[in-house]
């Protein structure tokens, strides 16, 4: 058995994402824009232009760059 212990990790966190989610979901009246699902636990504030290629000053937290989707429609399908 390996010995237990602690490990220090550095984590990158998206700043402003909580506000982005709140505003996007509110803009869509807390309903998925495709299915109309209104269970907030299943809703995601999805970026239209992906976070990884968005401009930090104008796009990453701009609610106009967001859609309210349910989690099944937010994730791309992957082939196994």
PDB file of N, CA and C in Angstrom:
ATOM      1  N   UNK A   1       0.840  -1.187   0.000  1.00  0.00           N
ATOM      2  CA  UNK A   1       0.000   0.000   0.000  1.00  0.00           C
ATOM      3  C   UNK A   1       0.882   1.247   0.000  1.00  0.00           C
ATOM      4  N   UNK A   2       0.541   2.242  -0.822  1.00  0.00           N
ATOM      5  CA  UNK A   2       1.314   3.483  -0.812  1.00  0.00           C
ATOM      6  C   UNK A   2       1.063   4.257   0.480  1.00  0.00           C
ATOM      7  N   UNK A   3       2.060   5.024   0.882  1.00  0.00           N
ATOM      8  CA  UNK A   3       1.951   5.849   2.074  1.00  0.00           C
ATOM      9  C   UNK A   3       1.069   7.057   1.781  1.00  0.00           C
ATOM     10  N   UNK A   4       0.202   7.422   2.701  1.00  0.00           N
ATOM     11  CA  UNK A   4      -0.670   8.599   2.546  1.00  0.00           C
ATOM     12  C   UNK A   4       0.115   9.879   2.744  1.00  0.00           C
ATOM     13  N   UNK A   5      -0.406  10.957   2.222  1.00  0.00           N
ATOM     14  CA  UNK A   5       0.259  12.242   2.384  1.00  0.00           C
ATOM     15  C   UNK A   5      -0.532  13.341   1.690  1.00  0.00           C
ATOM     16  N   UNK A   6       0.071  14.492   1.585  1.00  0.00           N
ATOM     17  CA  UNK A   6      -0.559  15.648   0.954  1.00  0.00           C
ATOM     18  C   UNK A   6       0.245  16.079  -0.250  1.00  0.00           C
ATOM     19  N   UNK A   7      -0.427  16.707  -1.194  1.00  0.00           N
ATOM     20  CA  UNK A   7       0.226  17.227  -2.382  1.00  0.00           C
ATOM     21  C   UNK A   7      -0.312  18.635  -2.630  1.00  0.00           C
ATOM     22  N   UNK A   8       0.567  19.575  -2.902  1.00  0.00           N
ATOM     23  CA  UNK A   8       0.168  20.941  -3.222  1.00  0.00           C
ATOM     24  C   UNK A   8      -0.070  21.036  -4.727  1.00  0.00           C
ATOM     25  N   UNK A   9      -1.213  21.625  -5.118  1.00  0.00           N
ATOM     26  CA  UNK A   9      -1.548  21.766  -6.535  1.00  0.00           C
ATOM     27  C   UNK A   9      -1.918  23.208  -6.840  1.00  0.00           C
ATOM     28  N   UNK A  10      -1.590  23.625  -8.032  1.00  0.00           N
ATOM     29  CA  UNK A  10      -1.982  24.939  -8.515  1.00  0.00           C
ATOM     30  C   UNK A  10      -3.183  24.743  -9.432  1.00  0.00           C
ATOM     31  N   UNK A  11      -4.235  25.542  -9.204  1.00  0.00           N
ATOM     32  CA  UNK A  11      -5.466  25.395  -9.975  1.00  0.00           C
ATOM     33  C   UNK A  11      -5.800  26.708 -10.669  1.00  0.00           C
ATOM     34  N   UNK A  12      -6.107  26.613 -11.964  1.00  0.00           N
ATOM     35  CA  UNK A  12      -6.531  27.777 -12.722  1.00  0.00           C
ATOM     36  C   UNK A  12      -8.051  27.876 -12.601  1.00  0.00           C
ATOM     37  N   UNK A  13      -8.567  29.058 -12.236  1.00  0.00           N
ATOM     38  CA  UNK A  13      -9.992  29.267 -12.040  1.00  0.00           C
ATOM     39  C   UNK A  13     -10.489  30.391 -12.940  1.00  0.00           C
ATOM     40  N   UNK A  14     -11.657  30.221 -13.526  1.00  0.00           N
ATOM     41  CA  UNK A  14     -12.245  31.250 -14.377  1.00  0.00           C
ATOM     42  C   UNK A  14     -12.893  32.325 -13.515  1.00  0.00           C
ATOM     43  N   UNK A  15     -12.333  33.512 -13.545  1.00  0.00           N
ATOM     44  CA  UNK A  15     -12.843  34.642 -12.766  1.00  0.00           C
ATOM     45  C   UNK A  15     -14.021  35.264 -13.509  1.00  0.00           C
ATOM     46  N   UNK A  16     -15.100  35.526 -12.803  1.00  0.00           N
ATOM     47  CA  UNK A  16     -16.278  36.152 -13.394  1.00  0.00           C
ATOM     48  C   UNK A  16     -17.285  35.163 -13.951  1.00  0.00           C
ATOM     49  N   UNK A  17     -16.983  33.876 -13.886  1.00  0.00           N
ATOM     50  CA  UNK A  17     -17.864  32.863 -14.463  1.00  0.00           C
ATOM     51  C   UNK A  17     -19.194  32.786 -13.723  1.00  0.00           C
ATOM     52  N   UNK A  18     -19.187  33.007 -12.414  1.00  0.00           N
ATOM     53  CA  UNK A  18     -20.436  32.934 -11.643  1.00  0.00           C
ATOM     54  C   UNK A  18     -21.408  34.029 -12.058  1.00  0.00           C
ATOM     55  N   UNK A  19     -20.893  35.233 -12.289  1.00  0.00           N
ATOM     56  CA  UNK A  19     -21.746  36.340 -12.744  1.00  0.00           C
ATOM     57  C   UNK A  19     -22.240  36.077 -14.159  1.00  0.00           C
ATOM     58  N   UNK A  20     -21.365  35.587 -15.022  1.00  0.00           N
ATOM     59  CA  UNK A  20     -21.746  35.238 -16.390  1.00  0.00           C
ATOM     60  C   UNK A  20     -22.911  34.251 -16.371  1.00  0.00           C
ATOM     61  N   UNK A  21     -22.810  33.199 -15.570  1.00  0.00           N
ATOM     62  CA  UNK A  21     -23.868  32.190 -15.478  1.00  0.00           C
ATOM     63  C   UNK A  21     -25.176  32.806 -15.006  1.00  0.00           C
ATOM     64  N   UNK A  22     -25.108  33.590 -13.951  1.00  0.00           N
ATOM     65  CA  UNK A  22     -26.312  34.189 -13.376  1.00  0.00           C
ATOM     66  C   UNK A  22     -27.036  35.074 -14.394  1.00  0.00           C
ATOM     67  N   UNK A  23     -26.277  35.910 -15.114  1.00  0.00           N
ATOM     68  CA  UNK A  23     -26.874  36.828 -16.078  1.00  0.00           C
ATOM     69  C   UNK A  23     -27.420  36.083 -17.295  1.00  0.00           C
ATOM     70  N   UNK A  24     -26.669  35.110 -17.802  1.00  0.00           N
ATOM     71  CA  UNK A  24     -27.129  34.350 -18.971  1.00  0.00           C
ATOM     72  C   UNK A  24     -28.410  33.586 -18.634  1.00  0.00           C
ATOM     73  N   UNK A  25     -28.438  32.862 -17.526  1.00  0.00           N
ATOM     74  CA  UNK A  25     -29.639  32.116 -17.161  1.00  0.00           C
ATOM     75  C   UNK A  25     -30.831  33.041 -16.954  1.00  0.00           C
ATOM     76  N   UNK A  26     -30.594  34.178 -16.335  1.00  0.00           N
ATOM     77  CA  UNK A  26     -31.664  35.153 -16.130  1.00  0.00           C
ATOM     78  C   UNK A  26     -32.190  35.689 -17.460  1.00  0.00           C
ATOM     79  N   UNK A  27     -31.294  35.931 -18.403  1.00  0.00           N
ATOM     80  CA  UNK A  27     -31.691  36.438 -19.726  1.00  0.00           C
ATOM     81  C   UNK A  27     -32.606  35.458 -20.455  1.00  0.00           C
ATOM     82  N   UNK A  28     -32.447  34.185 -20.185  1.00  0.00           N
ATOM     83  CA  UNK A  28     -33.266  33.149 -20.820  1.00  0.00           C
ATOM     84  C   UNK A  28     -34.381  32.671 -19.884  1.00  0.00           C
ATOM     85  N   UNK A  29     -34.668  33.466 -18.848  1.00  0.00           N
ATOM     86  CA  UNK A  29     -35.726  33.146 -17.874  1.00  0.00           C
ATOM     87  C   UNK A  29     -35.538  31.749 -17.281  1.00  0.00           C
ATOM     88  N   UNK A  30     -34.270  31.395 -17.064  1.00  0.00           N
ATOM     89  CA  UNK A  30     -33.900  30.115 -16.457  1.00  0.00           C
ATOM     90  C   UNK A  30     -34.487  28.917 -17.198  1.00  0.00           C
ATOM     91  N   UNK A  31     -34.483  29.002 -18.538  1.00  0.00           N
ATOM     92  CA  UNK A  31     -34.946  27.895 -19.384  1.00  0.00           C
ATOM     93  C   UNK A  31     -33.935  27.653 -20.491  1.00  0.00           C
ATOM     94  N   UNK A  32     -33.706  26.384 -20.796  1.00  0.00           N
ATOM     95  CA  UNK A  32     -32.842  26.015 -21.915  1.00  0.00           C
ATOM     96  C   UNK A  32     -33.436  26.589 -23.197  1.00  0.00           C
ATOM     97  N   UNK A  33     -32.605  27.235 -24.001  1.00  0.00           N
ATOM     98  CA  UNK A  33     -33.102  27.870 -25.225  1.00  0.00           C
ATOM     99  C   UNK A  33     -33.461  26.855 -26.307  1.00  0.00           C
ATOM    100  N   UNK A  34     -33.125  25.588 -26.138  1.00  0.00           N
ATOM    101  CA  UNK A  34     -33.475  24.553 -27.112  1.00  0.00           C
ATOM    102  C   UNK A  34     -34.688  23.749 -26.641  1.00  0.00           C
ATOM    103  N   UNK A  35     -34.650  23.273 -25.403  1.00  0.00           N
ATOM    104  CA  UNK A  35     -35.679  22.339 -24.926  1.00  0.00           C
ATOM    105  C   UNK A  35     -36.705  22.960 -23.990  1.00  0.00           C
ATOM    106  N   UNK A  36     -36.389  24.111 -23.407  1.00  0.00           N
ATOM    107  CA  UNK A  36     -37.304  24.726 -22.447  1.00  0.00           C
ATOM    108  C   UNK A  36     -37.183  24.164 -21.040  1.00  0.00           C
ATOM    109  N   UNK A  37     -36.251  23.230 -20.819  1.00  0.00           N
ATOM    110  CA  UNK A  37     -36.038  22.681 -19.475  1.00  0.00           C
ATOM    111  C   UNK A  37     -35.739  23.825 -18.520  1.00  0.00           C
ATOM    112  N   UNK A  38     -36.380  23.806 -17.340  1.00  0.00           N
ATOM    113  CA  UNK A  38     -36.191  24.904 -16.395  1.00  0.00           C
ATOM    114  C   UNK A  38     -35.629  24.459 -15.047  1.00  0.00           C
ATOM    115  N   UNK A  39     -34.963  23.328 -14.998  1.00  0.00           N
ATOM    116  CA  UNK A  39     -34.319  22.837 -13.784  1.00  0.00           C
ATOM    117  C   UNK A  39     -32.922  23.447 -13.713  1.00  0.00           C
ATOM    118  N   UNK A  40     -32.712  24.381 -12.786  1.00  0.00           N
ATOM    119  CA  UNK A  40     -31.442  25.123 -12.733  1.00  0.00           C
ATOM    120  C   UNK A  40     -30.229  24.227 -12.501  1.00  0.00           C
ATOM    121  N   UNK A  41     -30.436  23.056 -11.908  1.00  0.00           N
ATOM    122  CA  UNK A  41     -29.324  22.131 -11.700  1.00  0.00           C
ATOM    123  C   UNK A  41     -28.840  21.528 -13.013  1.00  0.00           C
ATOM    124  N   UNK A  42     -29.689  21.548 -14.040  1.00  0.00           N
ATOM    125  CA  UNK A  42     -29.320  20.988 -15.344  1.00  0.00           C
ATOM    126  C   UNK A  42     -28.903  22.051 -16.351  1.00  0.00           C
ATOM    127  N   UNK A  43     -29.029  23.337 -15.980  1.00  0.00           N
ATOM    128  CA  UNK A  43     -28.739  24.406 -16.925  1.00  0.00           C
ATOM    129  C   UNK A  43     -27.289  24.859 -16.862  1.00  0.00           C
ATOM    130  N   UNK A  44     -26.777  25.214 -18.025  1.00  0.00           N
ATOM    131  CA  UNK A  44     -25.388  25.648 -18.179  1.00  0.00           C
ATOM    132  C   UNK A  44     -25.372  26.950 -18.959  1.00  0.00           C
ATOM    133  N   UNK A  45     -24.549  27.886 -18.526  1.00  0.00           N
ATOM    134  CA  UNK A  45     -24.314  29.099 -19.304  1.00  0.00           C
ATOM    135  C   UNK A  45     -23.174  28.773 -20.266  1.00  0.00           C
ATOM    136  N   UNK A  46     -23.531  28.483 -21.491  1.00  0.00           N
ATOM    137  CA  UNK A  46     -22.562  28.036 -22.486  1.00  0.00           C
ATOM    138  C   UNK A  46     -22.063  29.215 -23.313  1.00  0.00           C
ATOM    139  N   UNK A  47     -20.772  29.243 -23.569  1.00  0.00           N
ATOM    140  CA  UNK A  47     -20.199  30.299 -24.401  1.00  0.00           C
ATOM    141  C   UNK A  47     -20.448  30.002 -25.876  1.00  0.00           C
ATOM    142  N   UNK A  48     -20.824  31.025 -26.639  1.00  0.00           N
ATOM    143  CA  UNK A  48     -20.987  30.884 -28.081  1.00  0.00           C
ATOM    144  C   UNK A  48     -19.599  30.797 -28.714  1.00  0.00           C
ATOM    145  N   UNK A  49     -18.778  31.784 -28.442  1.00  0.00           N
ATOM    146  CA  UNK A  49     -17.368  31.739 -28.846  1.00  0.00           C
ATOM    147  C   UNK A  49     -16.623  31.153 -27.654  1.00  0.00           C
ATOM    148  N   UNK A  50     -15.926  30.044 -27.807  1.00  0.00           N
ATOM    149  CA  UNK A  50     -15.306  29.363 -26.671  1.00  0.00           C
ATOM    150  C   UNK A  50     -14.403  30.260 -25.821  1.00  0.00           C
ATOM    151  N   UNK A  51     -14.419  29.994 -24.523  1.00  0.00           N
ATOM    152  CA  UNK A  51     -13.606  30.729 -23.546  1.00  0.00           C
ATOM    153  C   UNK A  51     -12.140  30.753 -23.977  1.00  0.00           C
ATOM    154  N   UNK A  52     -11.648  29.638 -24.467  1.00  0.00           N
ATOM    155  CA  UNK A  52     -10.223  29.506 -24.792  1.00  0.00           C
ATOM    156  C   UNK A  52      -9.769  30.443 -25.904  1.00  0.00           C
ATOM    157  N   UNK A  53     -10.679  30.892 -26.755  1.00  0.00           N
ATOM    158  CA  UNK A  53     -10.300  31.790 -27.855  1.00  0.00           C
ATOM    159  C   UNK A  53     -10.976  33.154 -27.751  1.00  0.00           C
ATOM    160  N   UNK A  54     -11.665  33.405 -26.639  1.00  0.00           N
ATOM    161  CA  UNK A  54     -12.345  34.682 -26.435  1.00  0.00           C
ATOM    162  C   UNK A  54     -11.405  35.721 -25.853  1.00  0.00           C
ATOM    163  N   UNK A  55     -11.680  36.986 -26.167  1.00  0.00           N
ATOM    164  CA  UNK A  55     -10.924  38.113 -25.633  1.00  0.00           C
ATOM    165  C   UNK A  55     -11.346  38.354 -24.186  1.00  0.00           C
ATOM    166  N   UNK A  56     -10.382  38.478 -23.286  1.00  0.00           N
ATOM    167  CA  UNK A  56     -10.672  38.639 -21.862  1.00  0.00           C
ATOM    168  C   UNK A  56     -11.447  39.922 -21.574  1.00  0.00           C
ATOM    169  N   UNK A  57     -11.152  40.989 -22.274  1.00  0.00           N
ATOM    170  CA  UNK A  57     -11.771  42.279 -21.986  1.00  0.00           C
ATOM    171  C   UNK A  57     -13.194  42.401 -22.518  1.00  0.00           C
ATOM    172  N   UNK A  58     -13.496  41.735 -23.629  1.00  0.00           N
ATOM    173  CA  UNK A  58     -14.789  41.989 -24.267  1.00  0.00           C
ATOM    174  C   UNK A  58     -15.687  40.771 -24.458  1.00  0.00           C
ATOM    175  N   UNK A  59     -15.166  39.556 -24.348  1.00  0.00           N
ATOM    176  CA  UNK A  59     -15.988  38.395 -24.698  1.00  0.00           C
ATOM    177  C   UNK A  59     -16.156  37.343 -23.602  1.00  0.00           C
ATOM    178  N   UNK A  60     -15.142  37.098 -22.809  1.00  0.00           N
ATOM    179  CA  UNK A  60     -15.184  35.969 -21.871  1.00  0.00           C
ATOM    180  C   UNK A  60     -16.337  36.040 -20.879  1.00  0.00           C
ATOM    181  N   UNK A  61     -16.624  37.199 -20.343  1.00  0.00           N
ATOM    182  CA  UNK A  61     -17.706  37.322 -19.361  1.00  0.00           C
ATOM    183  C   UNK A  61     -18.889  38.121 -19.892  1.00  0.00           C
ATOM    184  N   UNK A  62     -18.905  38.410 -21.180  1.00  0.00           N
ATOM    185  CA  UNK A  62     -20.005  39.155 -21.781  1.00  0.00           C
ATOM    186  C   UNK A  62     -21.194  38.216 -21.975  1.00  0.00           C
ATOM    187  N   UNK A  63     -22.331  38.491 -21.324  1.00  0.00           N
ATOM    188  CA  UNK A  63     -23.486  37.610 -21.448  1.00  0.00           C
ATOM    189  C   UNK A  63     -24.025  37.494 -22.877  1.00  0.00           C
ATOM    190  N   UNK A  64     -23.685  38.427 -23.753  1.00  0.00           N
ATOM    191  CA  UNK A  64     -24.103  38.325 -25.149  1.00  0.00           C
ATOM    192  C   UNK A  64     -23.344  37.217 -25.878  1.00  0.00           C
ATOM    193  N   UNK A  65     -22.305  36.703 -25.247  1.00  0.00           N
ATOM    194  CA  UNK A  65     -21.546  35.571 -25.782  1.00  0.00           C
ATOM    195  C   UNK A  65     -22.009  34.269 -25.115  1.00  0.00           C
ATOM    196  N   UNK A  66     -23.248  34.241 -24.642  1.00  0.00           N
ATOM    197  CA  UNK A  66     -23.716  33.062 -23.934  1.00  0.00           C
ATOM    198  C   UNK A  66     -25.092  32.601 -24.336  1.00  0.00           C
ATOM    199  N   UNK A  67     -25.318  31.305 -24.157  1.00  0.00           N
ATOM    200  CA  UNK A  67     -26.622  30.674 -24.347  1.00  0.00           C
ATOM    201  C   UNK A  67     -26.939  29.868 -23.103  1.00  0.00           C
ATOM    202  N   UNK A  68     -28.202  29.811 -22.747  1.00  0.00           N
ATOM    203  CA  UNK A  68     -28.631  28.955 -21.653  1.00  0.00           C
ATOM    204  C   UNK A  68     -29.018  27.613 -22.263  1.00  0.00           C
ATOM    205  N   UNK A  69     -28.242  26.581 -21.944  1.00  0.00           N
ATOM    206  CA  UNK A  69     -28.482  25.243 -22.473  1.00  0.00           C
ATOM    207  C   UNK A  69     -28.601  24.252 -21.327  1.00  0.00           C
ATOM    208  N   UNK A  70     -29.281  23.146 -21.578  1.00  0.00           N
ATOM    209  CA  UNK A  70     -29.244  22.085 -20.579  1.00  0.00           C
ATOM    210  C   UNK A  70     -27.939  21.322 -20.799  1.00  0.00           C
ATOM    211  N   UNK A  71     -27.502  20.632 -19.780  1.00  0.00           N
ATOM    212  CA  UNK A  71     -26.175  20.015 -19.828  1.00  0.00           C
ATOM    213  C   UNK A  71     -26.040  18.959 -20.930  1.00  0.00           C
ATOM    214  N   UNK A  72     -27.140  18.359 -21.370  1.00  0.00           N
ATOM    215  CA  UNK A  72     -27.056  17.384 -22.454  1.00  0.00           C
ATOM    216  C   UNK A  72     -26.748  18.040 -23.803  1.00  0.00           C
ATOM    217  N   UNK A  73     -27.159  19.282 -23.984  1.00  0.00           N
ATOM    218  CA  UNK A  73     -26.924  19.983 -25.239  1.00  0.00           C
ATOM    219  C   UNK A  73     -25.651  20.828 -25.212  1.00  0.00           C
ATOM    220  N   UNK A  74     -25.081  21.019 -24.058  1.00  0.00           N
ATOM    221  CA  UNK A  74     -23.866  21.840 -23.949  1.00  0.00           C
ATOM    222  C   UNK A  74     -22.607  21.067 -24.314  1.00  0.00           C
ATOM    223  N   UNK A  75     -22.549  19.812 -24.003  1.00  0.00           N
ATOM    224  CA  UNK A  75     -21.346  19.009 -24.216  1.00  0.00           C
ATOM    225  C   UNK A  75     -21.354  18.375 -25.591  1.00  0.00           C
ATOM    226  N   UNK A  76     -20.249  18.497 -26.334  1.00  0.00           N
ATOM    227  CA  UNK A  76     -20.199  17.834 -27.639  1.00  0.00           C
ATOM    228  C   UNK A  76     -20.123  16.319 -27.469  1.00  0.00           C
ATOM    229  N   UNK A  77     -20.702  15.607 -28.411  1.00  0.00           N
ATOM    230  CA  UNK A  77     -20.613  14.159 -28.397  1.00  0.00           C
ATOM    231  C   UNK A  77     -19.220  13.732 -28.812  1.00  0.00           C
ATOM    232  N   UNK A  78     -18.717  12.689 -28.196  1.00  0.00           N
ATOM    233  CA  UNK A  78     -17.403  12.177 -28.575  1.00  0.00           C
ATOM    234  C   UNK A  78     -17.543  10.730 -29.021  1.00  0.00           C
ATOM    235  N   UNK A  79     -16.772  10.374 -30.009  1.00  0.00           N
ATOM    236  CA  UNK A  79     -16.782   8.992 -30.492  1.00  0.00           C
ATOM    237  C   UNK A  79     -15.846   8.158 -29.634  1.00  0.00           C
ATOM    238  N   UNK A  80     -16.272   6.978 -29.302  1.00  0.00           N
ATOM    239  CA  UNK A  80     -15.415   6.087 -28.499  1.00  0.00           C
ATOM    240  C   UNK A  80     -14.546   5.235 -29.369  1.00  0.00           C
TER     241      UNK A  80
END
